[in-house]
Amino acid sequence: MKKIIFSLLLIGLLATACAPAPNVGAINDLPYVDTGVDTEAWATVPAGDFPSGQQDHLTYVDEFQIMITDVTVEQYANYLNDAIASGDVTVGDFVVKAAEEVSFVVEGAGGYYEGDPFDAYKHEEEIEAGDKLFAAMEEGLRMTYDGSAFAAMDAYVNHPMTMVTWWGANAYCEYYDTRLPLDLEWEKAARGTEIDDAGHGRPFAWGDEIHGNFANYYSSADLFEKMYGKLGNTTPVGFYNGQTYEGYETHDAVSPYGLYDMGGNVWQWLGDDIADQHYRHMRGGSFYTYEVDLRVWKFNSAGPQHYAPEIGFRCAK
């Protein structure tokens, strides 16, 4: 449940500024779809240069490891239960400050964050230390809470965790001694080091072209819904892996390092703190964006308090 606390003067402005939200109603009476992809697997990205950005600037990145899929609903539910038991997460109401005069009280799970450095630059938003919302317990959350434990809804066990703030993504990774991937790390993991005869790197994680059976994006017509009914808006992690599901053949849309869903399904939170703004970047596009946003150099950004049914994450180390 969300309670809104802000000046009535701003209501009209916010109503006209917000785009329609996707249908996030979660249902749990549909089949679990096994993609055969190991959600616990990691890939190693070796040190070296790669073509970065639309202009393909050769950029060096140290060796790192990264999850081959986004964190799933089941994995995040298990984390919340572990973190509640260890005292690192509580369940209750959290004040979420969205702007200087706009704040929300949201029921959810959350915990302590140490805050960000603050230099008092013009328009800089101060991110103070304190208890922060990690995951909102409202429509679209694909898990249940019985008062003592969280559990993933059966149909969404292997779907990407969504409705999670940057704080919630960061806390998950840190709890397991990992971290969110940095902007350049994510891009290298997505596109690799290949350069064509014209001097360009690949525009998509899987290559040069995009079609409806390559990824889950807005104009792909959400083929997963056509096959299995109205199963929300996301697809299971690793769904586009070359398998045929009930007669529908998916493209094996892995990145050069074997990562899935590095384009489409959900935006992915990154670890960089944008200095003197404290916005966080996201990469990859989502089911709610057109294919243009699935290109590897595209990014989105939002404050760390933001959450939505089309934003998830994966960890690196």
Protein backbone atom coordinates (compact mmCIF):
# COMPACT_ATOMS: atom_id res chain seq x y z
CA MET A 1 0.00 0.00 0.00
CA LYS A 2 1.33 3.44 -0.93
CA LYS A 3 0.38 6.63 0.90
CA ILE A 4 1.28 9.87 -0.88
CA ILE A 5 2.45 12.92 1.07
CA PHE A 6 2.99 16.03 -1.04
CA SER A 7 1.71 19.44 -1.99
CA LEU A 8 -1.65 19.42 -3.81
CA LEU A 9 -0.18 22.02 -6.12
CA LEU A 10 2.03 19.30 -7.61
CA ILE A 11 -0.69 16.75 -8.28
CA GLY A 12 -1.68 18.10 -11.67
CA LEU A 13 1.93 18.43 -12.79
CA LEU A 14 2.76 14.87 -11.81
CA ALA A 15 -0.37 13.47 -13.43
CA THR A 16 0.45 15.02 -16.79
CA ALA A 17 4.16 14.19 -16.61
CA CYS A 18 3.78 10.44 -15.94
CA ALA A 19 3.44 8.01 -18.82
CA PRO A 20 0.88 5.18 -18.57
CA ALA A 21 2.27 2.31 -16.51
CA PRO A 22 2.33 -1.20 -17.93
CA ASN A 23 -0.16 -3.77 -16.72
CA VAL A 24 1.64 -5.30 -13.75
CA GLY A 25 -1.07 -7.53 -12.31
CA ALA A 26 0.60 -10.77 -11.27
CA ILE A 27 -1.36 -13.99 -11.61
CA ASN A 28 -0.31 -17.35 -10.30
CA ASP A 29 -2.52 -19.92 -12.01
CA LEU A 30 -0.32 -20.46 -15.09
CA PRO A 31 2.42 -23.01 -15.67
CA TYR A 32 6.00 -22.64 -14.62
CA VAL A 33 8.15 -22.64 -17.76
CA ASP A 34 11.56 -24.24 -17.42
CA THR A 35 14.11 -22.63 -19.76
CA GLY A 36 16.89 -24.99 -18.70
CA VAL A 37 19.17 -22.03 -17.91
CA ASP A 38 21.19 -22.16 -14.69
CA THR A 39 20.30 -19.03 -12.72
CA GLU A 40 23.22 -19.62 -10.35
CA ALA A 41 25.86 -19.54 -13.12
CA TRP A 42 28.46 -16.82 -13.59
CA ALA A 43 30.62 -15.82 -16.56
CA THR A 44 34.16 -14.45 -16.52
CA VAL A 45 34.84 -11.40 -18.67
CA PRO A 46 38.61 -11.16 -19.25
CA ALA A 47 40.58 -7.93 -18.94
CA GLY A 48 41.15 -5.95 -22.11
CA ASP A 49 39.81 -3.37 -24.53
CA PHE A 50 36.37 -3.38 -26.10
CA PRO A 51 34.51 -0.99 -28.45
CA SER A 52 32.48 1.25 -26.11
CA GLY A 53 29.54 3.45 -26.96
CA GLN A 54 27.95 4.27 -30.29
CA GLN A 55 31.27 5.62 -31.53
CA ASP A 56 33.10 2.40 -30.62
CA HIS A 57 35.91 3.95 -28.57
CA LEU A 58 38.34 1.27 -27.46
CA THR A 59 38.11 1.18 -23.67
CA TYR A 60 39.95 -0.96 -21.15
CA VAL A 61 38.10 -2.90 -18.45
CA ASP A 62 39.67 -5.14 -15.79
CA GLU A 63 38.65 -8.78 -15.47
CA PHE A 64 35.41 -9.38 -13.60
CA GLN A 65 32.64 -11.95 -13.22
CA ILE A 66 28.95 -11.40 -13.82
CA MET A 67 25.76 -13.45 -13.45
CA ILE A 68 24.55 -14.96 -16.71
CA THR A 69 20.93 -14.08 -15.84
CA ASP A 70 19.10 -11.40 -13.94
CA VAL A 71 18.34 -12.15 -10.30
CA THR A 72 15.07 -14.08 -10.17
CA VAL A 73 12.02 -13.63 -7.98
CA GLU A 74 12.87 -16.84 -6.13
CA GLN A 75 16.45 -15.73 -5.48
CA TYR A 76 15.30 -12.38 -4.12
CA ALA A 77 12.63 -13.97 -1.91
CA ASN A 78 15.31 -16.26 -0.46
CA TYR A 79 17.54 -13.23 0.14
CA LEU A 80 14.78 -11.36 1.95
CA ASN A 81 14.16 -14.32 4.22
CA ASP A 82 17.87 -14.71 4.96
CA ALA A 83 18.32 -10.98 5.55
CA ILE A 84 15.28 -10.76 7.83
CA ALA A 85 16.69 -13.62 9.89
CA SER A 86 20.08 -11.89 10.13
CA GLY A 87 18.51 -8.55 11.06
CA ASP A 88 19.59 -6.77 7.87
CA VAL A 89 16.06 -6.36 6.46
CA THR A 90 12.76 -5.41 8.06
CA VAL A 91 9.20 -5.33 6.74
CA GLY A 92 7.01 -2.28 7.28
CA ASP A 93 6.38 1.25 6.04
CA PHE A 94 9.22 3.23 4.44
CA VAL A 95 9.29 6.91 3.56
CA VAL A 96 10.48 7.29 -0.01
CA LYS A 97 11.54 10.81 -0.94
CA ALA A 98 10.98 11.39 -4.66
CA ALA A 99 11.67 15.15 -4.73
CA GLU A 100 12.14 18.06 -2.33
CA GLU A 101 8.42 18.34 -1.58
CA VAL A 102 7.25 14.91 -2.66
CA SER A 103 7.49 11.77 -0.55
CA PHE A 104 5.70 8.46 -0.39
CA VAL A 105 5.06 6.04 2.43
CA VAL A 106 5.36 2.58 0.92
CA GLU A 107 4.81 -0.79 2.54
CA GLY A 108 7.66 -3.10 1.71
CA ALA A 109 10.95 -4.65 2.72
CA GLY A 110 14.01 -2.52 3.33
CA GLY A 111 17.13 -1.86 5.33
CA TYR A 112 19.93 0.54 6.13
CA TYR A 113 21.95 2.43 3.51
CA GLU A 114 24.99 4.50 4.46
CA GLY A 115 24.13 7.43 2.17
CA ASP A 116 26.02 9.10 -0.69
CA PRO A 117 28.67 11.85 -0.56
CA PHE A 118 27.01 15.26 -0.75
CA ASP A 119 28.72 18.36 -2.19
CA ALA A 120 25.73 20.75 -2.14
CA TYR A 121 25.88 21.42 -5.86
CA LYS A 122 22.92 23.18 -7.44
CA HIS A 123 20.05 20.70 -7.91
CA GLU A 124 22.03 17.93 -6.23
CA GLU A 125 19.73 15.62 -4.29
CA GLU A 126 21.07 14.58 -0.92
CA ILE A 127 20.94 10.85 -0.29
CA GLU A 128 21.14 10.62 3.49
CA ALA A 129 22.00 7.58 5.55
CA GLY A 130 19.04 5.70 6.92
CA ASP A 131 16.51 2.96 6.30
CA LYS A 132 15.60 2.66 2.63
CA LEU A 133 12.94 0.78 0.70
CA PHE A 134 14.33 -2.29 -1.07
CA ALA A 135 11.20 -3.86 -2.58
CA ALA A 136 7.67 -2.48 -2.68
CA MET A 137 4.88 -4.77 -1.53
CA GLU A 138 2.23 -3.63 -3.96
CA GLU A 139 0.60 -4.75 -7.20
CA GLY A 140 3.22 -6.21 -9.50
CA LEU A 141 5.36 -7.86 -6.84
CA ARG A 142 5.64 -11.49 -7.90
CA MET A 143 5.96 -12.88 -4.39
CA THR A 144 3.78 -13.34 -1.35
CA TYR A 145 4.41 -12.56 2.32
CA ASP A 146 2.58 -14.45 5.06
CA GLY A 147 3.81 -12.31 7.93
CA SER A 148 6.96 -14.31 8.50
CA ALA A 149 8.42 -15.32 5.13
CA PHE A 150 8.45 -14.35 1.46
CA ALA A 151 7.80 -16.87 -1.31
CA ALA A 152 7.91 -16.48 -5.09
CA MET A 153 4.63 -17.07 -6.87
CA ASP A 154 4.84 -20.42 -8.64
CA ALA A 155 4.56 -19.05 -12.19
CA TYR A 156 7.19 -16.38 -11.53
CA VAL A 157 9.89 -18.37 -9.77
CA ASN A 158 12.37 -17.89 -12.64
CA HIS A 159 11.19 -14.48 -13.83
CA PRO A 160 13.41 -11.47 -13.13
CA MET A 161 12.93 -9.74 -9.80
CA THR A 162 11.19 -6.40 -10.34
CA MET A 163 9.65 -3.66 -8.16
CA VAL A 164 13.10 -3.34 -6.61
CA THR A 165 14.86 -0.04 -5.94
CA TRP A 166 18.54 0.56 -6.59
CA TRP A 167 19.02 0.26 -2.84
CA GLY A 168 17.33 -3.13 -2.92
CA ALA A 169 19.46 -4.34 -5.82
CA ASN A 170 22.65 -3.06 -4.21
CA ALA A 171 21.77 -4.63 -0.86
CA TYR A 172 21.14 -8.03 -2.45
CA CYS A 173 24.52 -8.06 -4.17
CA GLU A 174 26.41 -6.83 -1.10
CA TYR A 175 24.70 -9.40 1.14
CA TYR A 176 26.33 -12.14 -0.92
CA ASP A 177 29.71 -10.36 -1.10
CA THR A 178 29.18 -9.19 -4.67
CA ARG A 179 28.19 -5.85 -6.20
CA LEU A 180 26.24 -4.31 -9.03
CA PRO A 181 28.14 -4.19 -12.34
CA LEU A 182 29.61 -0.88 -13.42
CA ASP A 183 28.40 0.82 -16.59
CA LEU A 184 31.41 -0.14 -18.72
CA GLU A 185 31.51 -3.64 -17.28
CA TRP A 186 27.91 -4.23 -18.25
CA GLU A 187 28.48 -2.96 -21.78
CA LYS A 188 31.53 -5.14 -22.33
CA ALA A 189 29.70 -8.19 -20.97
CA ALA A 190 26.87 -7.44 -23.39
CA ARG A 191 28.74 -6.76 -26.63
CA GLY A 192 32.16 -8.38 -26.27
CA THR A 193 35.24 -7.29 -28.20
CA GLU A 194 34.26 -8.12 -31.79
CA ILE A 195 34.84 -5.34 -34.33
CA ASP A 196 33.59 -5.61 -37.93
CA ASP A 197 35.37 -4.53 -41.12
CA ALA A 198 33.93 -1.03 -40.76
CA GLY A 199 35.40 -0.67 -37.27
CA HIS A 200 32.14 -1.09 -35.36
CA GLY A 201 31.22 -3.30 -32.42
CA ARG A 202 27.96 -5.23 -32.36
CA PRO A 203 24.87 -3.08 -31.65
CA PHE A 204 22.97 -5.84 -29.86
CA ALA A 205 24.24 -8.41 -27.40
CA TRP A 206 23.59 -11.25 -29.87
CA GLY A 207 24.73 -9.50 -33.07
CA ASP A 208 23.64 -6.98 -35.69
CA GLU A 209 19.90 -7.64 -36.10
CA ILE A 210 16.82 -7.86 -33.94
CA HIS A 211 13.57 -9.74 -34.52
CA GLY A 212 10.58 -10.61 -32.38
CA ASN A 213 11.91 -14.00 -31.30
CA PHE A 214 15.27 -12.52 -30.18
CA ALA A 215 14.12 -10.66 -27.05
CA ASN A 216 11.15 -9.40 -25.06
CA TYR A 217 10.52 -5.79 -26.10
CA TYR A 218 7.45 -3.65 -26.74
CA SER A 219 7.07 -4.08 -30.49
CA SER A 220 7.89 -7.79 -30.33
CA ALA A 221 4.19 -8.27 -29.42
CA ASP A 222 5.20 -10.14 -26.24
CA LEU A 223 5.08 -13.61 -27.74
CA PHE A 224 5.34 -15.24 -24.31
CA GLU A 225 1.90 -13.88 -23.50
CA LYS A 226 0.52 -15.24 -26.76
CA MET A 227 1.84 -18.69 -25.90
CA TYR A 228 0.89 -18.96 -22.23
CA GLY A 229 -1.78 -16.35 -21.63
CA LYS A 230 -1.57 -13.15 -19.65
CA LEU A 231 1.49 -13.99 -17.58
CA GLY A 232 2.42 -10.43 -16.66
CA ASN A 233 4.88 -8.72 -18.96
CA THR A 234 8.23 -10.37 -18.30
CA THR A 235 9.56 -13.65 -19.65
CA PRO A 236 11.53 -16.19 -17.60
CA VAL A 237 15.24 -15.36 -17.47
CA GLY A 238 17.07 -17.02 -20.34
CA PHE A 239 13.87 -17.66 -22.31
CA TYR A 240 15.48 -16.61 -25.61
CA ASN A 241 18.00 -19.43 -25.71
CA GLY A 242 17.31 -21.24 -28.99
CA GLN A 243 14.75 -23.61 -27.48
CA THR A 244 11.37 -24.27 -29.06
CA TYR A 245 8.42 -23.78 -26.72
CA GLU A 246 5.14 -25.30 -27.92
CA GLY A 247 6.10 -24.80 -31.55
CA TYR A 248 7.66 -21.35 -31.14
CA GLU A 249 11.39 -21.26 -31.83
CA THR A 250 13.44 -18.67 -29.96
CA HIS A 251 16.74 -17.27 -31.15
CA ASP A 252 19.77 -18.14 -29.03
CA ALA A 253 20.25 -14.52 -27.99
CA VAL A 254 23.26 -14.81 -25.70
CA SER A 255 26.05 -12.28 -25.45
CA PRO A 256 29.62 -13.26 -26.45
CA TYR A 257 30.23 -14.30 -22.82
CA GLY A 258 27.06 -16.40 -22.56
CA LEU A 259 24.82 -13.88 -20.79
CA TYR A 260 21.06 -13.89 -21.33
CA ASP A 261 18.62 -10.98 -21.49
CA MET A 262 21.25 -8.31 -22.08
CA GLY A 263 18.61 -6.69 -24.26
CA GLY A 264 14.93 -6.54 -23.33
CA ASN A 265 12.80 -8.08 -20.59
CA VAL A 266 13.85 -5.65 -17.80
CA TRP A 267 16.17 -2.68 -17.42
CA GLN A 268 19.14 -3.55 -15.20
CA TRP A 269 20.39 -1.36 -12.35
CA LEU A 270 24.12 -0.52 -12.44
CA GLY A 271 26.52 0.30 -9.64
CA ASP A 272 27.80 3.73 -10.71
CA ASP A 273 26.78 6.77 -8.67
CA ILE A 274 26.47 9.76 -11.01
CA ALA A 275 28.49 12.41 -9.16
CA ASP A 276 26.59 15.43 -7.82
CA GLN A 277 23.30 14.00 -9.10
CA HIS A 278 23.13 10.56 -7.48
CA TYR A 279 21.05 9.12 -10.28
CA ARG A 280 21.82 5.54 -11.19
CA HIS A 281 22.15 4.21 -14.70
CA MET A 282 20.21 1.28 -16.10
CA ARG A 283 21.00 -0.67 -19.25
CA GLY A 284 19.35 -3.16 -21.57
CA GLY A 285 15.87 -1.86 -22.30
CA SER A 286 12.75 -3.77 -21.29
CA PHE A 287 9.47 -5.31 -22.38
CA TYR A 288 8.08 -1.76 -22.19
CA THR A 289 10.55 -0.15 -24.61
CA TYR A 290 11.06 -0.42 -28.36
CA GLU A 291 14.02 -2.23 -29.87
CA VAL A 292 16.05 1.00 -30.11
CA ASP A 293 16.59 0.83 -26.35
CA LEU A 294 17.99 -2.69 -26.58
CA ARG A 295 21.16 -1.44 -28.28
CA VAL A 296 24.13 -2.01 -26.00
CA TRP A 297 25.16 1.65 -25.68
CA LYS A 298 21.71 2.92 -24.66
CA PHE A 299 21.06 3.71 -21.02
CA ASN A 300 18.33 5.01 -18.75
CA SER A 301 18.60 6.59 -15.32
CA ALA A 302 16.57 7.20 -12.18
CA GLY A 303 17.01 8.01 -8.53
CA PRO A 304 17.91 5.10 -6.23
CA GLN A 305 14.42 5.22 -4.71
CA HIS A 306 12.77 4.37 -8.03
CA TYR A 307 11.12 1.00 -8.65
CA ALA A 308 8.96 -0.32 -11.46
CA PRO A 309 7.66 -3.55 -13.01
CA GLU A 310 10.23 -3.26 -15.80
CA ILE A 311 13.42 -2.81 -13.73
CA GLY A 312 15.59 -5.63 -12.38
CA PHE A 313 19.31 -6.34 -11.92
CA ARG A 314 22.15 -8.85 -11.87
CA CYS A 315 25.34 -8.92 -9.79
CA ALA A 316 29.05 -8.81 -10.58
CA LYS A 317 32.27 -9.43 -8.67
